[in-house]
Amino acid sequence: MVAINIIFLFLFLTLWIKTKRYDIESIQELDNKIHPLKRLYPIGLYLCDKTPLKRLLNKSVYIDDSLKALNIGEPLDQVKRIYICKKVVLTIIILFLADLFFLGYKIKEESIIFNGNYIKRPEANEGSKSITLDVLVSEDNEAVLEEELTLEVKEAEYDPQELENKFAYGKQYIDQKALGSNRSGGEIKTDLNFITRIPETRIRVSWETSNSKLIDKDGTVYNEGLLKSELVEVTATLSYKERKELYTMFFKVLPKEYTKEEFARIRLQEVLREEDNNSKEENIFTLPDAMDKQKITWAEKEDHTATMLFIFGTFAGVLIFIIMDRNLISLVDKRNKEMLMDYPEIINKFTLLVGAGMSLSNAWIKIAKDYKEKTTKKRFAYEEINITAGELMIGTSEVIAYERFGRRVKLLPYLRFGSLIAQNVKKGSGELLNQLELEAAEAFEERKELAKRMGEEAATKLLIPMAFMLLIVLAIIMVPAMLSFGI
């Protein structure tokens, strides 16, 4: 997997170097705010032109209308090419980052086993460390035991005399506390007190029993259904670094017959303890490769975190590629609302100019000219008016120009407006001014309704944060009340 990711990384870098100056002229005029990644667009343009993505560019007809509506007066082919390029570049960046995260995680990840079956012990004063390994015990090429094993590797041992004193104190403390409320080891009726630490020391205590069905490792005694006394061996292992000592109690039980797998597990623990004791003053812990007549195979527990990061990054890249089209639909919807809000203002201006004696074409050109001179912010409706004004100025038929305007905008009020003035140019009518005034009054009412709907939508969106605030307030009130009642 690492090799594959290195190949991906190499391909990304090679592609970036190869396409660094590809078709740079097409992106020089792009707005940095709208296209913050435009320095990487040569990669996307190259892939769009030289790979099967070109077919996607040609087949993506479903986004044509949206791109036309949002990029007024710009060539559709170029706009579409830049849009697909933007999606491709964003997807590549996400895949590239996922690749880097994967490789970084793998580099940071340290190998536990080296030279086949060696583990480096912790440095002095680092304390013990627990590692999880996959172990395979086999005999005659057949698996006897295959499972995950947690192994505690301890640091080197120092000052034997000090340890002797600590362990002596630990055994005395166990003698005082282990029996709990029982009188003696021969009269166990209630739970035992299996402590896990010796106070005022760093000695840890672990417990093992020969029959966990009668006495559990935490000291719980299961004697409800016991018909006769049985001998149970309970062993407390006192450990500090590599030093271990045992404390044992007995209860009469029948010997337990172990399966081959259980015996292999117990025997493996014994072999590991022996190896631990034999190498406690060495800097490495040797994992046994054989046990009696059985072969032991060790393997590090595989960590899938890096792989999951890469898969997640790949999925996110593909998802972004798809979601961008949904965002395009949202932008078109926003454009339509903006144009509907501007419509009453436009129709009022047009009515005022025509009423003052201007011809239809001159009134249209006057509105476009005022927009270019007085407005710095782009407004979609006025941009469409500006295109129609340009057509009128170069001699395009008024009827054709007004009808084109309505078809480009594709909103009912503008279609109605374009059709109204186009019909007036064709047939002539003394009622145009009255019709425009009625249209202006109707447009104003529609704008009020639109503003009302937008306000209702905003109020609906506010319900979600208000619901979260309600939950927080309830939690602030209820949690202290529940805690006071001990719930």
Protein backbone atom coordinates (compact mmCIF):
# COMPACT_ATOMS: atom_id res chain seq x y z
CA MET A 1 0.00 0.00 0.00
CA VAL A 2 2.85 2.40 0.81
CA ALA A 3 4.43 1.72 -2.58
CA ILE A 4 1.15 2.51 -4.35
CA ASN A 5 0.83 5.79 -2.46
CA ILE A 6 4.40 6.76 -3.30
CA ILE A 7 3.61 6.11 -6.97
CA PHE A 8 0.51 8.31 -6.68
CA LEU A 9 2.58 11.07 -5.06
CA PHE A 10 5.20 10.81 -7.78
CA LEU A 11 2.51 11.00 -10.50
CA PHE A 12 0.95 14.07 -8.86
CA LEU A 13 4.29 15.88 -8.70
CA THR A 14 5.23 14.86 -12.26
CA LEU A 15 1.89 16.07 -13.58
CA TRP A 16 2.27 19.39 -11.75
CA ILE A 17 5.78 19.97 -13.15
CA LYS A 18 4.77 18.94 -16.67
CA THR A 19 1.64 21.15 -16.80
CA LYS A 20 2.90 24.16 -14.85
CA ARG A 21 2.64 26.51 -17.85
CA TYR A 22 -0.08 24.69 -19.80
CA ASP A 23 -2.61 27.10 -21.39
CA ILE A 24 -1.71 29.77 -18.83
CA GLU A 25 -3.40 32.42 -20.98
CA SER A 26 -6.86 30.97 -20.27
CA ILE A 27 -6.64 31.60 -16.54
CA GLN A 28 -4.74 34.90 -16.27
CA GLU A 29 -7.91 37.01 -16.17
CA LEU A 30 -9.78 34.84 -13.64
CA ASP A 31 -10.75 36.50 -10.35
CA ASN A 32 -8.54 35.31 -7.49
CA LYS A 33 -11.43 35.49 -5.01
CA ILE A 34 -13.66 33.24 -7.11
CA HIS A 35 -10.78 30.97 -8.20
CA PRO A 36 -8.28 30.81 -5.29
CA LEU A 37 -6.72 27.65 -6.74
CA LYS A 38 -6.18 29.03 -10.24
CA ARG A 39 -2.40 28.45 -10.05
CA LEU A 40 -3.19 24.74 -10.18
CA TYR A 41 -5.71 25.08 -13.00
CA PRO A 42 -3.11 24.11 -15.68
CA ILE A 43 -3.26 20.57 -14.25
CA GLY A 44 -7.05 20.48 -14.60
CA LEU A 45 -6.98 22.03 -18.08
CA TYR A 46 -4.40 19.48 -19.21
CA LEU A 47 -6.49 16.58 -17.88
CA CYS A 48 -9.63 18.03 -19.48
CA ASP A 49 -7.90 18.33 -22.86
CA LYS A 50 -5.72 15.21 -22.95
CA THR A 51 -7.68 12.55 -21.04
CA PRO A 52 -11.19 10.98 -21.15
CA LEU A 53 -12.36 13.93 -19.01
CA LYS A 54 -12.86 15.69 -22.35
CA ARG A 55 -15.84 13.40 -22.93
CA LEU A 56 -17.24 14.45 -19.56
CA LEU A 57 -16.84 18.06 -20.64
CA ASN A 58 -18.86 17.40 -23.77
CA LYS A 59 -21.53 15.29 -22.05
CA SER A 60 -22.18 17.65 -19.12
CA VAL A 61 -25.08 19.30 -20.94
CA TYR A 62 -27.20 19.38 -17.76
CA ILE A 63 -25.08 22.20 -16.33
CA ASP A 64 -25.12 24.35 -19.47
CA ASP A 65 -28.18 26.40 -18.53
CA SER A 66 -26.91 27.05 -15.02
CA LEU A 67 -23.48 28.15 -16.24
CA LYS A 68 -25.05 30.41 -18.87
CA ALA A 69 -27.27 32.05 -16.23
CA LEU A 70 -24.35 32.69 -13.86
CA ASN A 71 -21.79 33.81 -16.45
CA ILE A 72 -23.69 36.33 -18.55
CA GLY A 73 -22.12 37.23 -21.86
CA GLU A 74 -19.18 34.79 -21.54
CA PRO A 75 -18.52 31.94 -24.03
CA LEU A 76 -20.19 28.79 -22.72
CA ASP A 77 -17.41 26.46 -23.89
CA GLN A 78 -14.74 28.37 -21.97
CA VAL A 79 -16.92 28.78 -18.85
CA LYS A 80 -17.75 25.07 -18.88
CA ARG A 81 -14.10 24.14 -19.35
CA ILE A 82 -13.01 26.27 -16.38
CA TYR A 83 -15.85 24.86 -14.24
CA ILE A 84 -14.90 21.22 -14.93
CA CYS A 85 -11.25 22.18 -14.42
CA LYS A 86 -12.08 23.66 -10.99
CA LYS A 87 -13.82 20.43 -9.95
CA VAL A 88 -10.91 18.31 -11.16
CA VAL A 89 -8.30 20.44 -9.36
CA LEU A 90 -10.23 20.38 -6.07
CA THR A 91 -10.58 16.59 -6.30
CA ILE A 92 -6.85 16.20 -7.06
CA ILE A 93 -5.90 18.37 -4.06
CA ILE A 94 -8.03 16.26 -1.71
CA LEU A 95 -6.53 13.03 -3.08
CA PHE A 96 -3.03 14.51 -2.80
CA LEU A 97 -3.58 15.53 0.84
CA ALA A 98 -5.02 12.09 1.65
CA ASP A 99 -1.91 10.55 0.09
CA LEU A 100 0.38 12.78 2.18
CA PHE A 101 -1.52 11.96 5.39
CA PHE A 102 -1.20 8.25 4.64
CA LEU A 103 2.55 8.42 3.98
CA GLY A 104 3.14 10.72 6.97
CA TYR A 105 1.31 8.34 9.27
CA LYS A 106 3.31 5.40 7.95
CA ILE A 107 6.62 7.25 8.38
CA LYS A 108 5.72 8.28 11.92
CA GLU A 109 4.61 4.76 12.77
CA GLU A 110 7.48 2.91 14.44
CA SER A 111 8.16 -0.76 13.88
CA ILE A 112 7.84 -2.82 17.05
CA ILE A 113 9.48 -6.08 15.95
CA PHE A 114 12.89 -5.95 14.28
CA ASN A 115 15.21 -8.64 12.95
CA GLY A 116 12.39 -11.16 13.01
CA ASN A 117 11.67 -11.59 16.71
CA TYR A 118 13.22 -8.79 18.77
CA ILE A 119 11.52 -5.96 20.69
CA LYS A 120 13.39 -2.96 22.03
CA ARG A 121 12.87 -2.45 25.75
CA PRO A 122 11.97 1.03 27.10
CA GLU A 123 14.81 3.25 28.21
CA ALA A 124 15.58 3.63 31.90
CA ASN A 125 12.81 5.38 33.88
CA GLU A 126 10.38 5.21 30.96
CA GLY A 127 8.29 2.59 32.70
CA SER A 128 6.66 -0.42 31.14
CA LYS A 129 4.90 -0.42 27.80
CA SER A 130 2.16 -2.65 26.46
CA ILE A 131 2.19 -3.81 22.85
CA THR A 132 -0.36 -5.83 20.94
CA LEU A 133 0.87 -8.56 18.59
CA ASP A 134 -0.67 -11.26 16.46
CA VAL A 135 0.72 -14.65 17.50
CA LEU A 136 0.56 -17.92 15.59
CA VAL A 137 1.53 -21.19 17.29
CA SER A 138 1.78 -24.05 14.80
CA GLU A 139 2.72 -27.70 14.89
CA ASP A 140 3.45 -29.76 11.76
CA ASN A 141 2.36 -26.79 9.62
CA GLU A 142 -1.04 -26.72 11.37
CA ALA A 143 -2.19 -23.79 13.49
CA VAL A 144 -2.63 -24.66 17.18
CA LEU A 145 -3.17 -21.12 18.48
CA GLU A 146 -3.79 -17.97 16.49
CA GLU A 147 -4.89 -14.86 18.35
CA GLU A 148 -4.11 -11.31 19.39
CA LEU A 149 -1.79 -11.08 22.40
CA THR A 150 -1.08 -8.06 24.58
CA LEU A 151 2.47 -8.17 25.90
CA GLU A 152 3.91 -5.91 28.60
CA VAL A 153 7.58 -5.08 28.07
CA LYS A 154 9.34 -3.62 31.09
CA GLU A 155 12.40 -1.45 31.46
CA ALA A 156 15.75 -2.65 32.82
CA GLU A 157 16.06 -3.49 36.54
CA TYR A 158 18.21 -1.50 38.96
CA ASP A 159 19.12 -1.57 42.66
CA PRO A 160 18.24 -5.16 43.71
CA GLN A 161 18.39 -4.41 47.46
CA GLU A 162 15.77 -1.68 47.24
CA LEU A 163 13.48 -4.03 45.32
CA GLU A 164 13.91 -6.72 47.97
CA ASN A 165 12.61 -4.33 50.65
CA LYS A 166 9.64 -3.26 48.53
CA PHE A 167 8.61 -6.81 47.71
CA ALA A 168 8.89 -7.86 51.35
CA TYR A 169 6.56 -5.03 52.31
CA GLY A 170 4.23 -5.97 49.44
CA LYS A 171 3.85 -9.57 50.63
CA GLN A 172 3.10 -8.42 54.17
CA TYR A 173 0.43 -6.05 52.85
CA ILE A 174 -1.19 -8.85 50.82
CA ASP A 175 -1.24 -11.05 53.92
CA GLN A 176 -3.21 -8.33 55.74
CA LYS A 177 -5.66 -7.42 52.97
CA ALA A 178 -6.16 -10.32 50.56
CA LEU A 179 -8.52 -12.39 52.76
CA GLY A 180 -11.00 -9.53 53.12
CA SER A 181 -13.59 -10.43 55.79
CA ASN A 182 -12.70 -14.13 55.79
CA ARG A 183 -11.06 -15.61 58.88
CA SER A 184 -8.38 -17.65 57.13
CA GLY A 185 -7.48 -19.22 53.82
CA GLY A 186 -9.22 -22.41 54.85
CA GLU A 187 -12.60 -20.74 55.50
CA ILE A 188 -13.38 -18.59 52.51
CA LYS A 189 -17.06 -17.66 52.51
CA THR A 190 -17.14 -14.10 51.16
CA ASP A 191 -15.30 -12.25 48.42
CA LEU A 192 -11.55 -11.86 48.58
CA ASN A 193 -9.80 -8.51 48.37
CA PHE A 194 -7.55 -8.77 45.33
CA ILE A 195 -5.65 -5.48 45.41
CA THR A 196 -3.92 -4.30 42.24
CA ARG A 197 -1.31 -1.98 43.81
CA ILE A 198 0.78 -1.90 46.94
CA PRO A 199 0.33 1.53 48.59
CA GLU A 200 3.35 3.84 48.84
CA THR A 201 5.18 1.76 46.25
CA ARG A 202 5.07 1.24 42.49
CA ILE A 203 4.50 -2.46 42.85
CA ARG A 204 1.63 -3.81 40.78
CA VAL A 205 -0.27 -6.94 41.69
CA SER A 206 -1.96 -9.24 39.19
CA TRP A 207 -3.97 -12.30 40.07
CA GLU A 208 -4.45 -15.66 38.46
CA THR A 209 -6.67 -18.50 39.56
CA SER A 210 -6.70 -22.11 38.49
CA ASN A 211 -10.52 -22.06 38.27
CA SER A 212 -12.14 -18.73 37.46
CA LYS A 213 -15.60 -20.30 37.83
CA LEU A 214 -15.07 -20.46 41.58
CA ILE A 215 -12.79 -17.48 42.22
CA ASP A 216 -12.52 -14.72 39.65
CA LYS A 217 -9.43 -12.62 39.04
CA ASP A 218 -11.01 -9.66 40.79
CA GLY A 219 -11.52 -11.71 44.00
CA THR A 220 -15.23 -12.48 43.53
CA VAL A 221 -16.15 -15.86 45.06
CA TYR A 222 -18.85 -17.92 43.29
CA ASN A 223 -19.77 -20.48 45.95
CA GLU A 224 -23.57 -20.46 45.73
CA GLY A 225 -23.84 -23.80 43.93
CA LEU A 226 -20.78 -25.41 45.46
CA LEU A 227 -21.57 -28.84 46.96
CA LYS A 228 -18.13 -29.68 48.33
CA SER A 229 -14.86 -27.94 48.87
CA GLU A 230 -12.47 -27.88 45.96
CA LEU A 231 -8.86 -26.88 45.85
CA VAL A 232 -8.36 -23.68 43.88
CA GLU A 233 -4.95 -22.19 43.35
CA VAL A 234 -4.87 -18.40 43.52
CA THR A 235 -1.61 -16.71 42.58
CA ALA A 236 -0.81 -13.05 43.18
CA THR A 237 2.02 -11.82 41.00
CA LEU A 238 3.88 -8.86 42.47
CA SER A 239 5.75 -7.02 39.74
CA TYR A 240 7.92 -3.97 39.56
CA LYS A 241 9.85 -3.51 36.34
CA GLU A 242 11.23 -6.99 35.59
CA ARG A 243 11.08 -8.29 39.17
CA LYS A 244 8.23 -10.67 40.00
CA GLU A 245 7.30 -12.64 43.09
CA LEU A 246 4.30 -14.85 43.73
CA TYR A 247 1.90 -15.29 46.62
CA THR A 248 -0.32 -18.36 46.46
CA MET A 249 -3.43 -19.66 48.28
CA PHE A 250 -5.15 -23.01 47.71
CA PHE A 251 -8.74 -24.26 47.70
CA LYS A 252 -9.52 -27.85 46.96
CA VAL A 253 -10.79 -28.37 43.37
CA LEU A 254 -10.58 -31.07 40.78
CA PRO A 255 -7.86 -30.53 38.25
CA LYS A 256 -9.06 -28.87 35.10
CA GLU A 257 -8.48 -30.54 31.75
CA TYR A 258 -7.21 -27.95 29.31
CA THR A 259 -7.82 -28.02 25.59
CA LYS A 260 -4.84 -27.96 23.29
CA GLU A 261 -5.43 -24.27 22.61
CA GLU A 262 -5.76 -23.37 26.32
CA PHE A 263 -2.66 -25.34 27.21
CA ALA A 264 -0.75 -23.58 24.41
CA ARG A 265 -1.88 -20.22 25.77
CA ILE A 266 -0.77 -21.01 29.33
CA ARG A 267 2.48 -22.51 28.13
CA LEU A 268 3.14 -19.48 25.96
CA GLN A 269 2.73 -17.17 28.95
CA GLU A 270 5.17 -19.31 30.92
CA VAL A 271 7.71 -19.21 28.10
CA LEU A 272 7.34 -15.43 27.84
CA ARG A 273 7.83 -15.04 31.59
CA GLU A 274 10.92 -17.24 31.47
CA GLU A 275 12.33 -15.21 28.59
CA ASP A 276 11.51 -12.00 30.46
CA ASN A 277 13.35 -13.17 33.55
CA ASN A 278 16.30 -14.44 31.55
CA SER A 279 16.74 -11.17 29.64
CA LYS A 280 15.76 -8.63 32.27
CA GLU A 281 19.19 -6.99 32.25
CA GLU A 282 19.43 -6.88 28.47
CA ASN A 283 18.22 -4.08 26.20
CA ILE A 284 16.11 -6.31 23.99
CA PHE A 285 13.35 -8.81 24.63
CA THR A 286 13.57 -11.91 22.43
CA LEU A 287 10.25 -13.39 21.33
CA PRO A 288 10.43 -17.20 21.35
CA ASP A 289 10.18 -18.88 17.94
CA ALA A 290 9.46 -22.33 19.32
CA MET A 291 7.72 -23.86 22.33
CA ASP A 292 8.30 -27.52 23.10
CA LYS A 293 7.60 -29.10 19.66
CA GLN A 294 5.46 -26.22 18.48
CA LYS A 295 6.51 -23.40 16.16
CA ILE A 296 5.62 -19.80 17.09
CA THR A 297 5.14 -17.04 14.49
CA TRP A 298 4.87 -13.40 15.55
CA ALA A 299 3.42 -10.49 13.59
CA GLU A 300 2.73 -6.87 14.43
CA LYS A 301 -0.91 -5.91 14.87
CA GLU A 302 -1.86 -4.27 11.59
CA ASP A 303 -2.94 -0.64 11.92
CA HIS A 304 -5.53 0.38 9.33
CA THR A 305 -5.65 4.06 10.35
CA ALA A 306 -3.54 5.29 7.45
CA THR A 307 -5.49 3.22 4.95
CA MET A 308 -8.78 4.54 6.32
CA LEU A 309 -7.46 8.10 6.02
CA PHE A 310 -6.59 7.51 2.38
CA ILE A 311 -9.96 5.89 1.63
CA PHE A 312 -11.78 8.72 3.39
CA GLY A 313 -9.79 11.30 1.45
CA THR A 314 -10.54 9.55 -1.85
CA PHE A 315 -14.24 9.38 -1.00
CA ALA A 316 -14.22 13.06 -0.01
CA GLY A 317 -12.59 14.00 -3.31
CA VAL A 318 -15.22 12.16 -5.35
CA LEU A 319 -17.99 13.59 -3.16
CA ILE A 320 -16.72 17.16 -3.67
CA PHE A 321 -16.70 16.56 -7.43
CA ILE A 322 -20.41 15.66 -7.25
CA ILE A 323 -21.46 18.24 -4.66
CA MET A 324 -20.12 21.14 -6.73
CA ASP A 325 -22.99 20.61 -9.20
CA ARG A 326 -25.49 20.89 -6.36
CA ASN A 327 -23.79 24.13 -5.31
CA LEU A 328 -24.20 25.35 -8.89
CA ILE A 329 -27.96 24.79 -8.62
CA SER A 330 -27.98 26.76 -5.35
CA LEU A 331 -26.16 29.65 -7.03
CA VAL A 332 -28.70 29.69 -9.88
CA ASP A 333 -31.54 29.79 -7.35
CA LYS A 334 -29.86 32.72 -5.61
CA ARG A 335 -29.48 34.46 -8.99
CA ASN A 336 -33.18 33.99 -9.76
CA LYS A 337 -34.23 35.48 -6.41
CA GLU A 338 -31.94 38.45 -6.96
CA MET A 339 -33.42 39.08 -10.42
CA LEU A 340 -36.98 38.85 -9.09
CA MET A 341 -36.13 41.38 -6.37
CA ASP A 342 -34.67 43.76 -9.01
CA TYR A 343 -37.62 43.43 -11.41
CA PRO A 344 -39.95 46.08 -9.85
CA GLU A 345 -37.10 48.62 -9.87
CA ILE A 346 -36.32 47.90 -13.55
CA ILE A 347 -39.94 48.08 -14.70
CA ASN A 348 -40.44 51.35 -12.79
CA LYS A 349 -37.34 52.91 -14.40
CA PHE A 350 -38.47 51.79 -17.83
CA THR A 351 -42.01 53.11 -17.31
CA LEU A 352 -40.66 56.47 -16.09
CA LEU A 353 -38.35 56.88 -19.09
CA VAL A 354 -40.99 55.86 -21.64
CA GLY A 355 -43.51 58.14 -19.95
CA ALA A 356 -41.01 61.01 -20.26
CA GLY A 357 -41.06 60.57 -24.04
CA MET A 358 -38.07 58.26 -24.72
CA SER A 359 -38.33 55.52 -27.31
CA LEU A 360 -38.24 51.93 -26.10
CA SER A 361 -34.69 51.32 -27.35
CA ASN A 362 -33.33 54.58 -25.94
CA ALA A 363 -34.97 53.88 -22.56
CA TRP A 364 -33.38 50.42 -22.55
CA ILE A 365 -29.94 51.77 -23.43
CA LYS A 366 -30.29 54.53 -20.79
CA ILE A 367 -30.96 51.94 -18.03
CA ALA A 368 -27.92 49.92 -19.13
CA LYS A 369 -25.71 53.01 -19.26
CA ASP A 370 -26.75 54.18 -15.77
CA TYR A 371 -25.98 50.71 -14.40
CA LYS A 372 -22.46 50.69 -15.85
CA GLU A 373 -21.69 54.21 -14.63
CA LYS A 374 -23.21 54.14 -11.13
CA THR A 375 -23.05 50.50 -9.96
CA THR A 376 -19.90 48.63 -8.98
CA LYS A 377 -21.57 45.44 -7.75
CA LYS A 378 -22.64 42.93 -10.39
CA ARG A 379 -26.42 42.46 -10.73
CA PHE A 380 -27.59 39.66 -13.00
CA ALA A 381 -30.73 41.42 -14.30
CA TYR A 382 -28.81 44.53 -15.30
CA GLU A 383 -26.07 42.43 -16.93
CA GLU A 384 -28.75 40.85 -19.15
CA ILE A 385 -30.14 44.33 -19.92
CA ASN A 386 -26.62 45.45 -20.80
CA ILE A 387 -26.25 42.59 -23.33
CA THR A 388 -29.56 43.49 -24.97
CA ALA A 389 -28.52 47.16 -25.06
CA GLY A 390 -25.35 46.15 -26.90
CA GLU A 391 -27.42 44.22 -29.44
CA LEU A 392 -29.67 47.26 -30.00
CA MET A 393 -26.67 49.52 -30.47
CA ILE A 394 -25.19 47.33 -33.21
CA GLY A 395 -28.46 47.31 -35.12
CA THR A 396 -30.20 44.11 -34.01
CA SER A 397 -33.96 44.18 -34.52
CA GLU A 398 -35.74 45.38 -31.38
CA VAL A 399 -38.24 42.53 -31.53
CA ILE A 400 -35.48 39.93 -31.75
CA ALA A 401 -33.40 41.62 -28.99
CA TYR A 402 -36.32 41.83 -26.54
CA GLU A 403 -37.42 38.24 -27.20
CA ARG A 404 -33.84 37.01 -26.73
CA PHE A 405 -33.74 38.87 -23.43
CA GLY A 406 -36.79 37.01 -22.13
CA ARG A 407 -35.49 33.61 -23.31
CA ARG A 408 -32.08 34.15 -21.65
CA VAL A 409 -33.51 35.14 -18.28
CA LYS A 410 -36.15 32.34 -18.27
CA LEU A 411 -38.15 33.96 -15.46
CA LEU A 412 -41.87 34.59 -15.95
CA PRO A 413 -41.92 38.35 -15.11
CA TYR A 414 -39.06 39.04 -17.51
CA LEU A 415 -40.61 36.84 -20.21
CA ARG A 416 -43.83 38.82 -19.78
CA PHE A 417 -41.94 42.12 -19.91
CA GLY A 418 -39.94 41.18 -23.02
CA SER A 419 -43.04 39.89 -24.78
CA LEU A 420 -45.00 43.07 -23.91
CA ILE A 421 -42.52 45.50 -25.44
CA ALA A 422 -41.75 43.17 -28.39
CA GLN A 423 -45.47 43.03 -29.26
CA ASN A 424 -45.69 46.79 -28.97
CA VAL A 425 -42.81 47.20 -31.45
CA LYS A 426 -44.49 44.78 -33.88
CA LYS A 427 -48.05 46.12 -33.78
CA GLY A 428 -47.83 49.45 -32.00
CA SER A 429 -50.22 50.37 -29.21
CA GLY A 430 -51.23 53.51 -27.42
CA GLU A 431 -51.87 51.48 -24.30
CA LEU A 432 -48.19 50.55 -23.66
CA LEU A 433 -47.73 53.08 -20.88
CA ASN A 434 -50.87 51.89 -19.06
CA GLN A 435 -49.79 48.29 -19.49
CA LEU A 436 -46.33 49.11 -18.09
CA GLU A 437 -47.88 50.86 -15.09
CA LEU A 438 -50.08 47.81 -14.40
CA GLU A 439 -47.03 45.56 -14.76
CA ALA A 440 -45.08 47.77 -12.32
CA ALA A 441 -47.91 47.60 -9.76
CA GLU A 442 -48.14 43.81 -10.12
CA ALA A 443 -44.35 43.50 -9.89
CA PHE A 444 -44.35 45.45 -6.64
CA GLU A 445 -46.96 43.08 -5.16
CA GLU A 446 -44.94 40.05 -6.29
CA ARG A 447 -41.83 41.51 -4.68
CA LYS A 448 -43.67 41.92 -1.38
CA GLU A 449 -44.77 38.28 -1.56
CA LEU A 450 -41.20 37.18 -2.38
CA ALA A 451 -39.79 39.18 0.53
CA LYS A 452 -42.40 37.61 2.80
CA ARG A 453 -41.44 34.07 1.65
CA MET A 454 -37.75 34.79 2.12
CA GLY A 455 -38.45 36.04 5.65
CA GLU A 456 -40.39 32.85 6.44
CA GLU A 457 -37.52 30.73 5.11
CA ALA A 458 -35.04 32.62 7.28
CA ALA A 459 -37.28 32.12 10.33
CA THR A 460 -37.49 28.40 9.58
CA LYS A 461 -33.69 28.14 9.37
CA LEU A 462 -33.42 29.82 12.78
CA LEU A 463 -35.44 26.99 14.36
CA ILE A 464 -32.42 24.64 14.28
CA PRO A 465 -30.07 26.82 16.42
CA MET A 466 -33.04 27.68 18.66
CA ALA A 467 -33.69 23.95 19.20
CA PHE A 468 -30.02 23.44 20.14
CA MET A 469 -30.22 26.35 22.59
CA LEU A 470 -33.35 24.80 24.13
CA LEU A 471 -31.54 21.49 24.62
CA ILE A 472 -28.59 23.28 26.26
CA VAL A 473 -30.92 25.16 28.64
CA LEU A 474 -32.70 21.90 29.53
CA ALA A 475 -29.36 20.23 30.20
CA ILE A 476 -28.24 23.13 32.42
CA ILE A 477 -31.46 22.82 34.44
CA MET A 478 -31.91 19.04 34.52
CA VAL A 479 -28.36 17.76 35.08
CA PRO A 480 -27.82 19.49 38.47
CA ALA A 481 -31.33 18.45 39.54
CA MET A 482 -30.68 14.80 38.61
CA LEU A 483 -27.30 14.83 40.33
CA SER A 484 -28.83 16.24 43.50
CA PHE A 485 -31.26 13.29 43.59
CA GLY A 486 -28.44 10.84 42.94
CA ILE A 487 -29.79 9.75 39.55
